[in-house]
PDB file of all heavy atoms in Angstrom:
ATOM      1  N   LEU A   1       2.304   1.301   0.367  1.00  0.00           N
ATOM      2  CA  LEU A   1       1.660   0.615  -0.668  1.00  0.00           C
ATOM      3  C   LEU A   1       2.638  -0.001  -1.673  1.00  0.00           C
ATOM      4  O   LEU A   1       2.499  -1.186  -2.067  1.00  0.00           O
ATOM      5  CB  LEU A   1       0.725   1.562  -1.448  1.00  0.00           C
ATOM      6  CG  LEU A   1      -0.754   1.630  -1.032  1.00  0.00           C
ATOM      7  CD1 LEU A   1      -1.447   2.703  -1.864  1.00  0.00           C
ATOM      8  CD2 LEU A   1      -1.454   0.352  -1.257  1.00  0.00           C
ATOM      9  N   VAL A   2       3.629   0.782  -2.059  1.00  0.00           N
ATOM     10  CA  VAL A   2       4.623   0.263  -3.043  1.00  0.00           C
ATOM     11  C   VAL A   2       5.337  -0.994  -2.464  1.00  0.00           C
ATOM     12  O   VAL A   2       5.465  -1.977  -3.156  1.00  0.00           O
ATOM     13  CB  VAL A   2       5.629   1.375  -3.379  1.00  0.00           C
ATOM     14  CG1 VAL A   2       6.787   0.798  -4.222  1.00  0.00           C
ATOM     15  CG2 VAL A   2       4.911   2.480  -4.193  1.00  0.00           C
ATOM     16  N   ARG A   3       5.736  -0.863  -1.234  1.00  0.00           N
ATOM     17  CA  ARG A   3       6.442  -1.991  -0.636  1.00  0.00           C
ATOM     18  C   ARG A   3       5.525  -3.232  -0.486  1.00  0.00           C
ATOM     19  O   ARG A   3       5.901  -4.335  -0.816  1.00  0.00           O
ATOM     20  CB  ARG A   3       6.962  -1.632   0.737  1.00  0.00           C
ATOM     21  CG  ARG A   3       8.173  -0.661   0.667  1.00  0.00           C
ATOM     22  CD  ARG A   3       8.933  -0.712   1.990  1.00  0.00           C
ATOM     23  NE  ARG A   3       8.182  -0.073   3.086  1.00  0.00           N
ATOM     24  CZ  ARG A   3       8.242   1.236   3.349  1.00  0.00           C
ATOM     25  NH1 ARG A   3       9.029   2.062   2.656  1.00  0.00           N
ATOM     26  NH2 ARG A   3       7.523   1.703   4.363  1.00  0.00           N
ATOM     27  N   SER A   4       4.328  -3.005  -0.003  1.00  0.00           N
ATOM     28  CA  SER A   4       3.399  -4.136   0.162  1.00  0.00           C
ATOM     29  C   SER A   4       2.958  -4.821  -1.130  1.00  0.00           C
ATOM     30  O   SER A   4       2.975  -6.008  -1.252  1.00  0.00           O
ATOM     31  CB  SER A   4       2.158  -3.655   0.982  1.00  0.00           C
ATOM     32  OG  SER A   4       1.280  -4.686   1.224  1.00  0.00           O
ATOM     33  N   MET A   5       2.654  -3.982  -2.113  1.00  0.00           N
ATOM     34  CA  MET A   5       2.249  -4.507  -3.393  1.00  0.00           C
ATOM     35  C   MET A   5       3.339  -5.209  -4.152  1.00  0.00           C
ATOM     36  O   MET A   5       3.116  -6.212  -4.811  1.00  0.00           O
ATOM     37  CB  MET A   5       1.561  -3.403  -4.208  1.00  0.00           C
ATOM     38  CG  MET A   5       0.342  -2.830  -3.627  1.00  0.00           C
ATOM     39  SD  MET A   5      -0.464  -1.546  -4.610  1.00  0.00           S
ATOM     40  CE  MET A   5      -1.229  -2.556  -5.883  1.00  0.00           C
ATOM     41  N   SER A   6       4.541  -4.729  -4.087  1.00  0.00           N
ATOM     42  CA  SER A   6       5.662  -5.325  -4.760  1.00  0.00           C
ATOM     43  C   SER A   6       6.018  -6.725  -4.212  1.00  0.00           C
ATOM     44  O   SER A   6       6.589  -7.533  -4.864  1.00  0.00           O
ATOM     45  CB  SER A   6       6.909  -4.407  -4.707  1.00  0.00           C
ATOM     46  OG  SER A   6       7.279  -4.227  -3.361  1.00  0.00           O
ATOM     47  N   ARG A   7       5.599  -6.942  -2.978  1.00  0.00           N
ATOM     48  CA  ARG A   7       5.807  -8.293  -2.396  1.00  0.00           C
ATOM     49  C   ARG A   7       4.746  -9.293  -2.798  1.00  0.00           C
ATOM     50  O   ARG A   7       4.999 -10.529  -2.725  1.00  0.00           O
ATOM     51  CB  ARG A   7       5.854  -8.207  -0.811  1.00  0.00           C
ATOM     52  CG  ARG A   7       7.026  -7.492  -0.269  1.00  0.00           C
ATOM     53  CD  ARG A   7       7.104  -7.776   1.232  1.00  0.00           C
ATOM     54  NE  ARG A   7       6.054  -7.176   1.952  1.00  0.00           N
ATOM     55  CZ  ARG A   7       6.127  -5.958   2.551  1.00  0.00           C
ATOM     56  NH1 ARG A   7       7.251  -5.235   2.452  1.00  0.00           N
ATOM     57  NH2 ARG A   7       5.080  -5.439   3.195  1.00  0.00           N
ATOM     58  N   GLN A   8       3.607  -8.835  -3.269  1.00  0.00           N
ATOM     59  CA  GLN A   8       2.555  -9.760  -3.533  1.00  0.00           C
ATOM     60  C   GLN A   8       2.024  -9.829  -4.980  1.00  0.00           C
ATOM     61  O   GLN A   8       1.541 -10.867  -5.420  1.00  0.00           O
ATOM     62  CB  GLN A   8       1.335  -9.492  -2.560  1.00  0.00           C
ATOM     63  CG  GLN A   8       1.718  -9.530  -1.135  1.00  0.00           C
ATOM     64  CD  GLN A   8       0.536  -9.728  -0.262  1.00  0.00           C
ATOM     65  OE1 GLN A   8      -0.289 -10.617  -0.458  1.00  0.00           O
ATOM     66  NE2 GLN A   8       0.402  -8.890   0.796  1.00  0.00           N
ATOM     67  N   ILE A   9       2.140  -8.719  -5.699  1.00  0.00           N
ATOM     68  CA  ILE A   9       1.796  -8.732  -7.147  1.00  0.00           C
ATOM     69  C   ILE A   9       2.859  -7.965  -7.908  1.00  0.00           C
ATOM     70  O   ILE A   9       3.690  -7.284  -7.327  1.00  0.00           O
ATOM     71  CB  ILE A   9       0.399  -8.106  -7.413  1.00  0.00           C
ATOM     72  CG1 ILE A   9       0.383  -6.608  -7.026  1.00  0.00           C
ATOM     73  CG2 ILE A   9      -0.681  -8.891  -6.680  1.00  0.00           C
ATOM     74  CD1 ILE A   9      -0.891  -5.909  -7.368  1.00  0.00           C
ATOM     75  N   ALA A  10       2.801  -8.027  -9.238  1.00  0.00           N
ATOM     76  CA  ALA A  10       3.751  -7.344 -10.085  1.00  0.00           C
ATOM     77  C   ALA A  10       3.457  -5.800 -10.032  1.00  0.00           C
ATOM     78  O   ALA A  10       2.313  -5.425 -10.041  1.00  0.00           O
ATOM     79  CB  ALA A  10       3.668  -7.833 -11.470  1.00  0.00           C
ATOM     80  N   VAL A  11       4.499  -5.009  -9.920  1.00  0.00           N
ATOM     81  CA  VAL A  11       4.373  -3.559  -9.966  1.00  0.00           C
ATOM     82  C   VAL A  11       5.155  -3.052 -11.202  1.00  0.00           C
ATOM     83  O   VAL A  11       6.025  -3.744 -11.733  1.00  0.00           O
ATOM     84  CB  VAL A  11       4.815  -2.869  -8.723  1.00  0.00           C
ATOM     85  CG1 VAL A  11       3.992  -3.323  -7.538  1.00  0.00           C
ATOM     86  CG2 VAL A  11       6.319  -3.142  -8.468  1.00  0.00           C
ATOM     87  N   ALA A  12       4.836  -1.870 -11.660  1.00  0.00           N
ATOM     88  CA  ALA A  12       5.538  -1.289 -12.812  1.00  0.00           C
ATOM     89  C   ALA A  12       6.943  -0.963 -12.496  1.00  0.00           C
ATOM     90  O   ALA A  12       7.347  -0.902 -11.329  1.00  0.00           O
ATOM     91  CB  ALA A  12       4.770  -0.048 -13.246  1.00  0.00           C
ATOM     92  N   ARG A  13       7.770  -0.742 -13.527  1.00  0.00           N
ATOM     93  CA  ARG A  13       9.176  -0.366 -13.263  1.00  0.00           C
ATOM     94  C   ARG A  13       9.330   0.941 -12.485  1.00  0.00           C
ATOM     95  O   ARG A  13      10.147   1.019 -11.650  1.00  0.00           O
ATOM     96  CB  ARG A  13       9.862  -0.155 -14.631  1.00  0.00           C
ATOM     97  CG  ARG A  13      10.040  -1.441 -15.451  1.00  0.00           C
ATOM     98  CD  ARG A  13      10.694  -1.205 -16.769  1.00  0.00           C
ATOM     99  NE  ARG A  13      10.769  -2.370 -17.590  1.00  0.00           N
ATOM    100  CZ  ARG A  13      11.273  -2.399 -18.828  1.00  0.00           C
ATOM    101  NH1 ARG A  13      11.697  -1.254 -19.390  1.00  0.00           N
ATOM    102  NH2 ARG A  13      11.275  -3.507 -19.544  1.00  0.00           N
ATOM    103  N   SER A  14       8.432   1.885 -12.754  1.00  0.00           N
ATOM    104  CA  SER A  14       8.365   3.111 -11.946  1.00  0.00           C
ATOM    105  C   SER A  14       7.051   3.068 -11.251  1.00  0.00           C
ATOM    106  O   SER A  14       6.041   3.614 -11.761  1.00  0.00           O
ATOM    107  CB  SER A  14       8.532   4.370 -12.849  1.00  0.00           C
ATOM    108  OG  SER A  14       9.756   4.312 -13.511  1.00  0.00           O
ATOM    109  N   PRO A  15       6.953   2.431 -10.071  1.00  0.00           N
ATOM    110  CA  PRO A  15       5.638   2.199  -9.481  1.00  0.00           C
ATOM    111  C   PRO A  15       4.922   3.423  -8.891  1.00  0.00           C
ATOM    112  O   PRO A  15       3.764   3.391  -8.570  1.00  0.00           O
ATOM    113  CB  PRO A  15       5.945   1.180  -8.334  1.00  0.00           C
ATOM    114  CG  PRO A  15       7.410   1.440  -8.021  1.00  0.00           C
ATOM    115  CD  PRO A  15       8.038   1.873  -9.329  1.00  0.00           C
ATOM    116  N   HIS A  16       5.643   4.555  -8.783  1.00  0.00           N
ATOM    117  CA  HIS A  16       5.003   5.760  -8.247  1.00  0.00           C
ATOM    118  C   HIS A  16       5.059   6.852  -9.326  1.00  0.00           C
ATOM    119  O   HIS A  16       6.117   7.145  -9.860  1.00  0.00           O
ATOM    120  CB  HIS A  16       5.717   6.284  -7.016  1.00  0.00           C
ATOM    121  CG  HIS A  16       5.147   7.626  -6.561  1.00  0.00           C
ATOM    122  ND1 HIS A  16       5.932   8.710  -6.313  1.00  0.00           N
ATOM    123  CD2 HIS A  16       3.896   8.088  -6.423  1.00  0.00           C
ATOM    124  CE1 HIS A  16       5.208   9.770  -6.012  1.00  0.00           C
ATOM    125  NE2 HIS A  16       3.965   9.420  -6.060  1.00  0.00           N
ATOM    126  N   ARG A  17       3.920   7.459  -9.667  1.00  0.00           N
ATOM    127  CA  ARG A  17       3.807   8.617 -10.488  1.00  0.00           C
ATOM    128  C   ARG A  17       2.841   9.631  -9.890  1.00  0.00           C
ATOM    129  O   ARG A  17       2.110   9.264  -8.948  1.00  0.00           O
ATOM    130  CB  ARG A  17       3.343   8.240 -11.909  1.00  0.00           C
ATOM    131  CG  ARG A  17       4.364   7.321 -12.640  1.00  0.00           C
ATOM    132  CD  ARG A  17       3.917   7.154 -14.112  1.00  0.00           C
ATOM    133  NE  ARG A  17       4.927   6.491 -14.896  1.00  0.00           N
ATOM    134  CZ  ARG A  17       5.031   5.232 -15.157  1.00  0.00           C
ATOM    135  NH1 ARG A  17       4.103   4.377 -14.657  1.00  0.00           N
ATOM    136  NH2 ARG A  17       6.002   4.731 -15.887  1.00  0.00           N
ATOM    137  N   SER A  18       2.840  10.798 -10.467  1.00  0.00           N
ATOM    138  CA  SER A  18       1.862  11.826  -9.957  1.00  0.00           C
ATOM    139  C   SER A  18       1.318  12.645 -11.078  1.00  0.00           C
ATOM    140  O   SER A  18       1.985  12.795 -12.081  1.00  0.00           O
ATOM    141  CB  SER A  18       2.609  12.679  -8.910  1.00  0.00           C
ATOM    142  OG  SER A  18       3.740  13.318  -9.498  1.00  0.00           O
ATOM    143  N   ALA A  19       0.144  13.215 -10.837  1.00  0.00           N
ATOM    144  CA  ALA A  19      -0.499  14.075 -11.849  1.00  0.00           C
ATOM    145  C   ALA A  19      -1.697  14.745 -11.204  1.00  0.00           C
ATOM    146  O   ALA A  19      -2.070  14.437 -10.022  1.00  0.00           O
ATOM    147  CB  ALA A  19      -0.886  13.316 -13.112  1.00  0.00           C
ATOM    148  N   ALA A  20      -2.332  15.598 -11.969  1.00  0.00           N
ATOM    149  CA  ALA A  20      -3.494  16.378 -11.355  1.00  0.00           C
ATOM    150  C   ALA A  20      -4.782  15.631 -11.509  1.00  0.00           C
ATOM    151  O   ALA A  20      -5.700  16.070 -12.249  1.00  0.00           O
ATOM    152  CB  ALA A  20      -3.548  17.761 -12.061  1.00  0.00           C
ATOM    153  N   PHE A  21      -4.958  14.583 -10.789  1.00  0.00           N
ATOM    154  CA  PHE A  21      -6.194  13.806 -10.804  1.00  0.00           C
ATOM    155  C   PHE A  21      -7.289  14.542 -10.013  1.00  0.00           C
ATOM    156  O   PHE A  21      -7.045  14.883  -8.839  1.00  0.00           O
ATOM    157  CB  PHE A  21      -5.985  12.368 -10.211  1.00  0.00           C
ATOM    158  CG  PHE A  21      -5.112  11.502 -11.088  1.00  0.00           C
ATOM    159  CD1 PHE A  21      -3.765  11.442 -10.933  1.00  0.00           C
ATOM    160  CD2 PHE A  21      -5.747  10.654 -12.022  1.00  0.00           C
ATOM    161  CE1 PHE A  21      -3.011  10.579 -11.670  1.00  0.00           C
ATOM    162  CE2 PHE A  21      -4.952   9.846 -12.815  1.00  0.00           C
ATOM    163  CZ  PHE A  21      -3.589   9.772 -12.610  1.00  0.00           C
ATOM    164  N   ARG A  22      -8.387  14.731 -10.648  1.00  0.00           N
ATOM    165  CA  ARG A  22      -9.476  15.484 -10.004  1.00  0.00           C
ATOM    166  C   ARG A  22      -9.985  14.714  -8.727  1.00  0.00           C
ATOM    167  O   ARG A  22     -10.251  15.313  -7.700  1.00  0.00           O
ATOM    168  CB  ARG A  22     -10.706  15.593 -10.944  1.00  0.00           C
ATOM    169  CG  ARG A  22     -11.847  16.434 -10.350  1.00  0.00           C
ATOM    170  CD  ARG A  22     -13.056  16.378 -11.272  1.00  0.00           C
ATOM    171  NE  ARG A  22     -12.741  16.916 -12.625  1.00  0.00           N
ATOM    172  CZ  ARG A  22     -12.720  18.218 -12.872  1.00  0.00           C
ATOM    173  NH1 ARG A  22     -12.960  19.077 -11.975  1.00  0.00           N
ATOM    174  NH2 ARG A  22     -12.433  18.589 -14.151  1.00  0.00           N
ATOM    175  N   VAL A  23     -10.009  13.384  -8.790  1.00  0.00           N
ATOM    176  CA  VAL A  23     -10.566  12.596  -7.664  1.00  0.00           C
ATOM    177  C   VAL A  23      -9.637  12.679  -6.467  1.00  0.00           C
ATOM    178  O   VAL A  23     -10.060  12.275  -5.332  1.00  0.00           O
ATOM    179  CB  VAL A  23     -10.875  11.157  -8.109  1.00  0.00           C
ATOM    180  CG1 VAL A  23      -9.591  10.349  -8.124  1.00  0.00           C
ATOM    181  CG2 VAL A  23     -11.932  10.519  -7.295  1.00  0.00           C
ATOM    182  N   LEU A  24      -8.387  13.040  -6.605  1.00  0.00           N
ATOM    183  CA  LEU A  24      -7.455  13.136  -5.520  1.00  0.00           C
ATOM    184  C   LEU A  24      -7.335  14.520  -4.904  1.00  0.00           C
ATOM    185  O   LEU A  24      -6.541  14.756  -3.974  1.00  0.00           O
ATOM    186  CB  LEU A  24      -6.057  12.670  -5.998  1.00  0.00           C
ATOM    187  CG  LEU A  24      -5.945  11.246  -6.494  1.00  0.00           C
ATOM    188  CD1 LEU A  24      -4.485  10.920  -6.883  1.00  0.00           C
ATOM    189  CD2 LEU A  24      -6.424  10.254  -5.515  1.00  0.00           C
ATOM    190  N   ARG A  25      -8.142  15.472  -5.371  1.00  0.00           N
ATOM    191  CA  ARG A  25      -8.055  16.840  -4.851  1.00  0.00           C
ATOM    192  C   ARG A  25      -8.832  16.927  -3.490  1.00  0.00           C
ATOM    193  O   ARG A  25      -9.910  17.469  -3.425  1.00  0.00           O
ATOM    194  CB  ARG A  25      -8.610  17.849  -5.848  1.00  0.00           C
ATOM    195  CG  ARG A  25      -7.787  17.835  -7.174  1.00  0.00           C
ATOM    196  CD  ARG A  25      -8.387  18.762  -8.214  1.00  0.00           C
ATOM    197  NE  ARG A  25      -7.747  18.657  -9.482  1.00  0.00           N
ATOM    198  CZ  ARG A  25      -8.086  19.246 -10.610  1.00  0.00           C
ATOM    199  NH1 ARG A  25      -9.186  20.038 -10.607  1.00  0.00           N
ATOM    200  NH2 ARG A  25      -7.444  19.057 -11.725  1.00  0.00           N
ATOM    201  N   GLN A  26      -8.184  16.480  -2.496  1.00  0.00           N
ATOM    202  CA  GLN A  26      -8.856  16.381  -1.145  1.00  0.00           C
ATOM    203  C   GLN A  26      -7.938  16.990  -0.111  1.00  0.00           C
ATOM    204  O   GLN A  26      -6.994  16.381   0.337  1.00  0.00           O
ATOM    205  CB  GLN A  26      -9.173  14.920  -0.849  1.00  0.00           C
ATOM    206  CG  GLN A  26      -9.869  14.220  -1.995  1.00  0.00           C
ATOM    207  CD  GLN A  26     -10.735  13.065  -1.511  1.00  0.00           C
ATOM    208  OE1 GLN A  26     -11.295  13.062  -0.439  1.00  0.00           O
ATOM    209  NE2 GLN A  26     -10.782  11.997  -2.340  1.00  0.00           N
TER     210      GLN A  26
END
């Protein structure tokens, strides 16, 4: 995702972060 998105739209300086998102608890 990071590679593909950085080629087509602007990404943040630190494009990957992590945290305890409830919706990702799978």
